[in-house]
Amino acid sequence: MTLDLTGITSKTAIHQLFKEQLGFEDWYGPSWDAFWDSIIAIVEMPPVLTLTNWQDFAQQCPRDMQLLRQVIQDYAEEMAPKRIELA
């Protein structure tokens, strides 16, 4: 599965995209802890989730991009062979 992050320049926007495209629960809010809980235990994630055009998000939200990179790394360790990748 591929998610295009074109135009995503805020934490709220990226989490809304994740909620809509990955089928997160109604209670899901813009939090990296909620994102982690959802991808680990609540929704069935695809074998590979590819995030494209993420550079604008990284530029506008460097701290959140750092957190997303950590989630990607932790997910690879916890859920292998499933993975999230930046392309």
Protein backbone atom coordinates (compact mmCIF):
# COMPACT_ATOMS: atom_id res chain seq x y z
CA MET A 1 0.00 0.00 0.00
CA THR A 2 1.24 3.48 -0.84
CA LEU A 3 0.22 6.72 0.84
CA ASP A 4 1.06 9.95 -0.96
CA LEU A 5 1.93 12.71 1.52
CA THR A 6 1.81 15.49 -1.07
CA GLY A 7 0.37 18.57 0.63
CA ILE A 8 0.69 17.11 4.13
CA THR A 9 2.44 19.80 6.17
CA SER A 10 1.08 19.36 9.70
CA LYS A 11 0.87 16.72 12.40
CA THR A 12 -2.94 16.91 12.30
CA ALA A 13 -3.03 16.36 8.54
CA ILE A 14 -0.72 13.33 8.55
CA HIS A 15 -2.67 11.68 11.34
CA GLN A 16 -5.98 12.36 9.56
CA LEU A 17 -4.55 10.73 6.43
CA PHE A 18 -3.45 7.69 8.44
CA LYS A 19 -6.86 7.46 10.11
CA GLU A 20 -8.76 7.60 6.82
CA GLN A 21 -6.48 5.41 4.71
CA LEU A 22 -5.54 2.76 7.28
CA GLY A 23 -8.99 2.41 8.83
CA PHE A 24 -8.15 3.55 12.35
CA GLU A 25 -10.88 3.67 14.99
CA ASP A 26 -13.12 6.73 15.48
CA TRP A 27 -11.35 7.58 18.75
CA TYR A 28 -8.00 7.93 16.98
CA GLY A 29 -6.44 11.35 17.46
CA PRO A 30 -3.26 13.07 16.28
CA SER A 31 -0.81 11.29 18.55
CA TRP A 32 2.21 9.13 17.79
CA ASP A 33 1.29 6.89 20.75
CA ALA A 34 -2.17 6.31 19.25
CA PHE A 35 -0.55 5.68 15.86
CA TRP A 36 1.76 3.06 17.39
CA ASP A 37 -1.08 1.34 19.24
CA SER A 38 -3.17 1.27 16.07
CA ILE A 39 -0.50 -0.19 13.77
CA ILE A 40 0.66 -2.76 16.31
CA ALA A 41 -2.60 -4.06 17.74
CA ILE A 42 -5.75 -2.56 16.27
CA VAL A 43 -5.70 -2.56 12.45
CA GLU A 44 -4.38 -5.12 10.01
CA MET A 45 -1.47 -3.38 8.37
CA PRO A 46 -0.35 -4.21 4.83
CA PRO A 47 2.92 -6.13 4.44
CA VAL A 48 4.57 -2.89 3.26
CA LEU A 49 3.31 0.64 3.78
CA THR A 50 5.18 3.05 1.52
CA LEU A 51 5.05 6.78 2.24
CA THR A 52 5.84 8.93 -0.79
CA ASN A 53 6.37 12.68 -1.17
CA TRP A 54 7.11 13.06 2.54
CA GLN A 55 9.74 15.79 2.12
CA ASP A 56 7.36 18.75 2.64
CA PHE A 57 6.10 17.18 5.85
CA ALA A 58 9.70 16.66 7.02
CA GLN A 59 10.54 20.29 6.27
CA GLN A 60 7.43 21.74 7.95
CA CYS A 61 7.35 19.33 10.92
CA PRO A 62 10.93 18.22 11.64
CA ARG A 63 10.18 16.99 15.17
CA ASP A 64 7.22 14.91 14.00
CA MET A 65 9.30 13.55 11.13
CA GLN A 66 11.92 12.48 13.64
CA LEU A 67 9.22 10.70 15.65
CA LEU A 68 7.83 9.06 12.51
CA ARG A 69 11.31 7.80 11.61
CA GLN A 70 11.61 6.28 15.10
CA VAL A 71 8.21 4.61 14.73
CA ILE A 72 9.31 3.20 11.37
CA GLN A 73 12.45 1.76 12.93
CA ASP A 74 10.61 0.34 15.95
CA TYR A 75 7.91 -1.14 13.71
CA ALA A 76 10.50 -2.91 11.58
CA GLU A 77 11.98 -4.49 14.70
CA GLU A 78 8.64 -5.39 16.30
CA MET A 79 6.61 -6.48 13.28
CA ALA A 80 9.13 -7.92 10.78
CA PRO A 81 8.71 -8.84 8.00
CA LYS A 82 6.07 -6.08 7.84
CA ARG A 83 7.53 -2.63 7.38
CA ILE A 84 6.87 1.03 6.74
CA GLU A 85 9.18 2.73 4.27
CA LEU A 86 9.88 6.18 2.94
CA ALA A 87 10.18 6.42 -0.83
